[in-house]
């Protein structure tokens, strides 16, 4: 419980400081990070799909 409270406190403090003092830099970072996040998210989805197909084919071979 203590870790949750401390985590929420740090998150709120970081959001306050970021929004009040570093907003233009944060917006620039987010604009640059979105393409990378979409790329790696898509890559993870493709890997998960391939793994799922492999598992299904292994189950079919066992039967």
PDB file of N, CA and C in Angstrom:
ATOM      1  N   UNK A   1       0.826  -1.190   0.000  1.00  0.00           N
ATOM      2  CA  UNK A   1       0.000   0.000   0.000  1.00  0.00           C
ATOM      3  C   UNK A   1       0.871   1.255   0.000  1.00  0.00           C
ATOM      4  N   UNK A   2       1.942   1.213   0.772  1.00  0.00           N
ATOM      5  CA  UNK A   2       2.846   2.356   0.841  1.00  0.00           C
ATOM      6  C   UNK A   2       3.496   2.619  -0.519  1.00  0.00           C
ATOM      7  N   UNK A   3       3.871   1.552  -1.213  1.00  0.00           N
ATOM      8  CA  UNK A   3       4.487   1.707  -2.529  1.00  0.00           C
ATOM      9  C   UNK A   3       3.504   2.340  -3.511  1.00  0.00           C
ATOM     10  N   UNK A   4       2.230   1.979  -3.413  1.00  0.00           N
ATOM     11  CA  UNK A   4       1.215   2.561  -4.282  1.00  0.00           C
ATOM     12  C   UNK A   4       1.071   4.055  -4.033  1.00  0.00           C
ATOM     13  N   UNK A   5       1.026   4.448  -2.780  1.00  0.00           N
ATOM     14  CA  UNK A   5       0.879   5.862  -2.431  1.00  0.00           C
ATOM     15  C   UNK A   5       2.096   6.655  -2.899  1.00  0.00           C
ATOM     16  N   UNK A   6       3.286   6.121  -2.663  1.00  0.00           N
ATOM     17  CA  UNK A   6       4.504   6.812  -3.093  1.00  0.00           C
ATOM     18  C   UNK A   6       4.562   6.898  -4.618  1.00  0.00           C
ATOM     19  N   UNK A   7       4.180   5.840  -5.296  1.00  0.00           N
ATOM     20  CA  UNK A   7       4.151   5.857  -6.756  1.00  0.00           C
ATOM     21  C   UNK A   7       3.190   6.894  -7.301  1.00  0.00           C
ATOM     22  N   UNK A   8       2.001   6.983  -6.704  1.00  0.00           N
ATOM     23  CA  UNK A   8       1.037   7.998  -7.135  1.00  0.00           C
ATOM     24  C   UNK A   8       1.550   9.406  -6.857  1.00  0.00           C
ATOM     25  N   UNK A   9       2.204   9.596  -5.729  1.00  0.00           N
ATOM     26  CA  UNK A   9       2.764  10.898  -5.386  1.00  0.00           C
ATOM     27  C   UNK A   9       3.846  11.305  -6.387  1.00  0.00           C
ATOM     28  N   UNK A  10       4.747  10.394  -6.704  1.00  0.00           N
ATOM     29  CA  UNK A  10       5.802  10.700  -7.675  1.00  0.00           C
ATOM     30  C   UNK A  10       5.221  10.963  -9.062  1.00  0.00           C
ATOM     31  N   UNK A  11       4.211  10.191  -9.455  1.00  0.00           N
ATOM     32  CA  UNK A  11       3.583  10.393 -10.749  1.00  0.00           C
ATOM     33  C   UNK A  11       2.924  11.760 -10.830  1.00  0.00           C
ATOM     34  N   UNK A  12       2.199  12.131  -9.793  1.00  0.00           N
ATOM     35  CA  UNK A  12       1.543  13.440  -9.776  1.00  0.00           C
ATOM     36  C   UNK A  12       2.570  14.569  -9.788  1.00  0.00           C
ATOM     37  N   UNK A  13       3.645  14.414  -9.037  1.00  0.00           N
ATOM     38  CA  UNK A  13       4.689  15.441  -9.009  1.00  0.00           C
ATOM     39  C   UNK A  13       5.361  15.580 -10.375  1.00  0.00           C
ATOM     40  N   UNK A  14       5.662  14.465 -11.000  1.00  0.00           N
ATOM     41  CA  UNK A  14       6.296  14.503 -12.316  1.00  0.00           C
ATOM     42  C   UNK A  14       5.369  15.129 -13.353  1.00  0.00           C
ATOM     43  N   UNK A  15       4.079  14.810 -13.294  1.00  0.00           N
ATOM     44  CA  UNK A  15       3.124  15.400 -14.229  1.00  0.00           C
ATOM     45  C   UNK A  15       3.020  16.905 -14.008  1.00  0.00           C
ATOM     46  N   UNK A  16       2.989  17.337 -12.759  1.00  0.00           N
ATOM     47  CA  UNK A  16       2.893  18.766 -12.447  1.00  0.00           C
ATOM     48  C   UNK A  16       4.123  19.522 -12.952  1.00  0.00           C
ATOM     49  N   UNK A  17       5.294  19.003 -12.644  1.00  0.00           N
ATOM     50  CA  UNK A  17       6.529  19.660 -13.076  1.00  0.00           C
ATOM     51  C   UNK A  17       6.624  19.655 -14.600  1.00  0.00           C
ATOM     52  N   UNK A  18       6.310  18.528 -15.205  1.00  0.00           N
ATOM     53  CA  UNK A  18       6.388  18.431 -16.657  1.00  0.00           C
ATOM     54  C   UNK A  18       5.431  19.365 -17.365  1.00  0.00           C
ATOM     55  N   UNK A  19       4.215  19.452 -16.876  1.00  0.00           N
ATOM     56  CA  UNK A  19       3.218  20.291 -17.536  1.00  0.00           C
ATOM     57  C   UNK A  19       3.475  21.777 -17.316  1.00  0.00           C
ATOM     58  N   UNK A  20       4.057  22.139 -16.201  1.00  0.00           N
ATOM     59  CA  UNK A  20       4.254  23.555 -15.914  1.00  0.00           C
ATOM     60  C   UNK A  20       5.588  24.108 -16.397  1.00  0.00           C
ATOM     61  N   UNK A  21       6.602  23.279 -16.470  1.00  0.00           N
ATOM     62  CA  UNK A  21       7.924  23.802 -16.780  1.00  0.00           C
ATOM     63  C   UNK A  21       8.516  23.284 -18.086  1.00  0.00           C
ATOM     64  N   UNK A  22       8.059  22.164 -18.556  1.00  0.00           N
ATOM     65  CA  UNK A  22       8.696  21.540 -19.718  1.00  0.00           C
ATOM     66  C   UNK A  22       7.697  21.182 -20.814  1.00  0.00           C
ATOM     67  N   UNK A  23       6.582  21.870 -20.911  1.00  0.00           N
ATOM     68  CA  UNK A  23       5.532  21.468 -21.848  1.00  0.00           C
ATOM     69  C   UNK A  23       5.998  21.437 -23.308  1.00  0.00           C
ATOM     70  N   UNK A  24       6.671  22.476 -23.824  1.00  0.00           N
ATOM     71  CA  UNK A  24       7.090  22.393 -25.238  1.00  0.00           C
ATOM     72  C   UNK A  24       8.037  21.224 -25.512  1.00  0.00           C
ATOM     73  N   UNK A  25       8.948  20.966 -24.583  1.00  0.00           N
ATOM     74  CA  UNK A  25       9.875  19.849 -24.776  1.00  0.00           C
ATOM     75  C   UNK A  25       9.143  18.515 -24.718  1.00  0.00           C
ATOM     76  N   UNK A  26       8.154  18.408 -23.832  1.00  0.00           N
ATOM     77  CA  UNK A  26       7.380  17.168 -23.730  1.00  0.00           C
ATOM     78  C   UNK A  26       6.588  16.915 -25.006  1.00  0.00           C
ATOM     79  N   UNK A  27       6.001  17.961 -25.569  1.00  0.00           N
ATOM     80  CA  UNK A  27       5.226  17.805 -26.803  1.00  0.00           C
ATOM     81  C   UNK A  27       6.141  17.368 -27.942  1.00  0.00           C
ATOM     82  N   UNK A  28       7.323  17.957 -28.033  1.00  0.00           N
ATOM     83  CA  UNK A  28       8.282  17.562 -29.063  1.00  0.00           C
ATOM     84  C   UNK A  28       8.683  16.099 -28.899  1.00  0.00           C
ATOM     85  N   UNK A  29       8.928  15.683 -27.669  1.00  0.00           N
ATOM     86  CA  UNK A  29       9.303  14.289 -27.406  1.00  0.00           C
ATOM     87  C   UNK A  29       8.177  13.341 -27.797  1.00  0.00           C
ATOM     88  N   UNK A  30       6.947  13.683 -27.437  1.00  0.00           N
ATOM     89  CA  UNK A  30       5.804  12.818 -27.742  1.00  0.00           C
ATOM     90  C   UNK A  30       5.601  12.720 -29.250  1.00  0.00           C
ATOM     91  N   UNK A  31       5.746  13.840 -29.958  1.00  0.00           N
ATOM     92  CA  UNK A  31       5.617  13.809 -31.417  1.00  0.00           C
ATOM     93  C   UNK A  31       6.663  12.897 -32.051  1.00  0.00           C
ATOM     94  N   UNK A  32       7.855  12.893 -31.508  1.00  0.00           N
ATOM     95  CA  UNK A  32       8.904  12.033 -32.043  1.00  0.00           C
ATOM     96  C   UNK A  32       8.769  10.588 -31.613  1.00  0.00           C
ATOM     97  N   UNK A  33       8.143  10.356 -30.472  1.00  0.00           N
ATOM     98  CA  UNK A  33       8.048   8.996 -29.942  1.00  0.00           C
ATOM     99  C   UNK A  33       6.892   8.203 -30.549  1.00  0.00           C
ATOM    100  N   UNK A  34       5.843   8.878 -31.032  1.00  0.00           N
ATOM    101  CA  UNK A  34       4.682   8.161 -31.558  1.00  0.00           C
ATOM    102  C   UNK A  34       5.029   7.207 -32.699  1.00  0.00           C
ATOM    103  N   UNK A  35       5.781   7.626 -33.710  1.00  0.00           N
ATOM    104  CA  UNK A  35       6.105   6.660 -34.772  1.00  0.00           C
ATOM    105  C   UNK A  35       6.863   5.441 -34.256  1.00  0.00           C
ATOM    106  N   UNK A  36       7.784   5.648 -33.328  1.00  0.00           N
ATOM    107  CA  UNK A  36       8.513   4.505 -32.770  1.00  0.00           C
ATOM    108  C   UNK A  36       7.598   3.588 -31.977  1.00  0.00           C
ATOM    109  N   UNK A  37       6.683   4.172 -31.204  1.00  0.00           N
ATOM    110  CA  UNK A  37       5.755   3.347 -30.428  1.00  0.00           C
ATOM    111  C   UNK A  37       4.859   2.523 -31.351  1.00  0.00           C
ATOM    112  N   UNK A  38       4.370   3.143 -32.434  1.00  0.00           N
ATOM    113  CA  UNK A  38       3.533   2.402 -33.375  1.00  0.00           C
ATOM    114  C   UNK A  38       4.330   1.302 -34.070  1.00  0.00           C
ATOM    115  N   UNK A  39       5.577   1.593 -34.440  1.00  0.00           N
ATOM    116  CA  UNK A  39       6.408   0.588 -35.094  1.00  0.00           C
ATOM    117  C   UNK A  39       6.630  -0.615 -34.189  1.00  0.00           C
ATOM    118  N   UNK A  40       7.072  -0.362 -32.957  1.00  0.00           N
ATOM    119  CA  UNK A  40       7.350  -1.475 -32.051  1.00  0.00           C
ATOM    120  C   UNK A  40       6.069  -2.184 -31.612  1.00  0.00           C
ATOM    121  N   UNK A  41       4.972  -1.457 -31.487  1.00  0.00           N
ATOM    122  CA  UNK A  41       3.691  -2.101 -31.185  1.00  0.00           C
ATOM    123  C   UNK A  41       3.271  -3.040 -32.302  1.00  0.00           C
ATOM    124  N   UNK A  42       3.435  -2.592 -33.539  1.00  0.00           N
ATOM    125  CA  UNK A  42       3.126  -3.448 -34.684  1.00  0.00           C
ATOM    126  C   UNK A  42       4.042  -4.651 -34.758  1.00  0.00           C
ATOM    127  N   UNK A  43       5.313  -4.436 -34.457  1.00  0.00           N
ATOM    128  CA  UNK A  43       6.268  -5.540 -34.462  1.00  0.00           C
ATOM    129  C   UNK A  43       5.904  -6.587 -33.417  1.00  0.00           C
ATOM    130  N   UNK A  44       5.516  -6.151 -32.248  1.00  0.00           N
ATOM    131  CA  UNK A  44       5.092  -7.083 -31.197  1.00  0.00           C
ATOM    132  C   UNK A  44       3.836  -7.834 -31.625  1.00  0.00           C
ATOM    133  N   UNK A  45       2.900  -7.141 -32.288  1.00  0.00           N
ATOM    134  CA  UNK A  45       1.680  -7.805 -32.756  1.00  0.00           C
ATOM    135  C   UNK A  45       2.000  -8.869 -33.801  1.00  0.00           C
ATOM    136  N   UNK A  46       2.921  -8.579 -34.699  1.00  0.00           N
ATOM    137  CA  UNK A  46       3.311  -9.561 -35.716  1.00  0.00           C
ATOM    138  C   UNK A  46       3.963 -10.774 -35.058  1.00  0.00           C
ATOM    139  N   UNK A  47       4.846 -10.543 -34.112  1.00  0.00           N
ATOM    140  CA  UNK A  47       5.503 -11.654 -33.411  1.00  0.00           C
ATOM    141  C   UNK A  47       4.475 -12.492 -32.655  1.00  0.00           C
ATOM    142  N   UNK A  48       3.513 -11.835 -32.009  1.00  0.00           N
ATOM    143  CA  UNK A  48       2.469 -12.572 -31.286  1.00  0.00           C
ATOM    144  C   UNK A  48       1.624 -13.395 -32.255  1.00  0.00           C
ATOM    145  N   UNK A  49       1.325 -12.848 -33.420  1.00  0.00           N
ATOM    146  CA  UNK A  49       0.549 -13.585 -34.413  1.00  0.00           C
ATOM    147  C   UNK A  49       1.291 -14.797 -34.937  1.00  0.00           C
ATOM    148  N   UNK A  50       2.573 -14.639 -35.217  1.00  0.00           N
ATOM    149  CA  UNK A  50       3.377 -15.763 -35.701  1.00  0.00           C
ATOM    150  C   UNK A  50       3.467 -16.847 -34.635  1.00  0.00           C
ATOM    151  N   UNK A  51       3.663 -16.453 -33.399  1.00  0.00           N
ATOM    152  CA  UNK A  51       3.729 -17.420 -32.301  1.00  0.00           C
ATOM    153  C   UNK A  51       2.414 -18.173 -32.163  1.00  0.00           C
ATOM    154  N   UNK A  52       1.308 -17.455 -32.290  1.00  0.00           N
ATOM    155  CA  UNK A  52      -0.006 -18.090 -32.192  1.00  0.00           C
ATOM    156  C   UNK A  52      -0.206 -19.107 -33.312  1.00  0.00           C
ATOM    157  N   UNK A  53       0.199 -18.748 -34.522  1.00  0.00           N
ATOM    158  CA  UNK A  53       0.069 -19.684 -35.641  1.00  0.00           C
ATOM    159  C   UNK A  53       0.937 -20.923 -35.433  1.00  0.00           C
ATOM    160  N   UNK A  54       2.148 -20.736 -34.922  1.00  0.00           N
ATOM    161  CA  UNK A  54       3.025 -21.882 -34.662  1.00  0.00           C
ATOM    162  C   UNK A  54       2.423 -22.803 -33.610  1.00  0.00           C
ATOM    163  N   UNK A  55       1.853 -22.229 -32.555  1.00  0.00           N
ATOM    164  CA  UNK A  55       1.246 -23.045 -31.502  1.00  0.00           C
ATOM    165  C   UNK A  55       0.046 -23.818 -32.031  1.00  0.00           C
ATOM    166  N   UNK A  56      -0.763 -23.189 -32.883  1.00  0.00           N
ATOM    167  CA  UNK A  56      -1.918 -23.885 -33.458  1.00  0.00           C
ATOM    168  C   UNK A  56      -1.470 -25.041 -34.344  1.00  0.00           C
ATOM    169  N   UNK A  57      -0.416 -24.830 -35.132  1.00  0.00           N
ATOM    170  CA  UNK A  57       0.041 -25.910 -36.008  1.00  0.00           C
ATOM    171  C   UNK A  57       0.640 -27.060 -35.197  1.00  0.00           C
ATOM    172  N   UNK A  58       1.299 -26.754 -34.083  1.00  0.00           N
ATOM    173  CA  UNK A  58       1.834 -27.810 -33.225  1.00  0.00           C
ATOM    174  C   UNK A  58       0.714 -28.603 -32.569  1.00  0.00           C
ATOM    175  N   UNK A  59      -0.373 -27.933 -32.187  1.00  0.00           N
ATOM    176  CA  UNK A  59      -1.512 -28.635 -31.591  1.00  0.00           C
ATOM    177  C   UNK A  59      -2.183 -29.539 -32.614  1.00  0.00           C
ATOM    178  N   UNK A  60      -2.260 -29.082 -33.871  1.00  0.00           N
ATOM    179  CA  UNK A  60      -2.866 -29.907 -34.913  1.00  0.00           C
ATOM    180  C   UNK A  60      -2.018 -31.149 -35.197  1.00  0.00           C
ATOM    181  N   UNK A  61      -0.706 -31.024 -35.118  1.00  0.00           N
ATOM    182  CA  UNK A  61       0.171 -32.162 -35.367  1.00  0.00           C
ATOM    183  C   UNK A  61       0.051 -33.212 -34.274  1.00  0.00           C
ATOM    184  N   UNK A  62      -0.224 -32.785 -33.042  1.00  0.00           N
ATOM    185  CA  UNK A  62      -0.345 -33.724 -31.931  1.00  0.00           C
ATOM    186  C   UNK A  62      -1.612 -34.562 -32.047  1.00  0.00           C
ATOM    187  N   UNK A  63      -2.643 -34.023 -32.643  1.00  0.00           N
ATOM    188  CA  UNK A  63      -3.923 -34.753 -32.741  1.00  0.00           C
ATOM    189  C   UNK A  63      -3.955 -35.702 -33.871  1.00  0.00           C
TER     190      UNK A  63
END
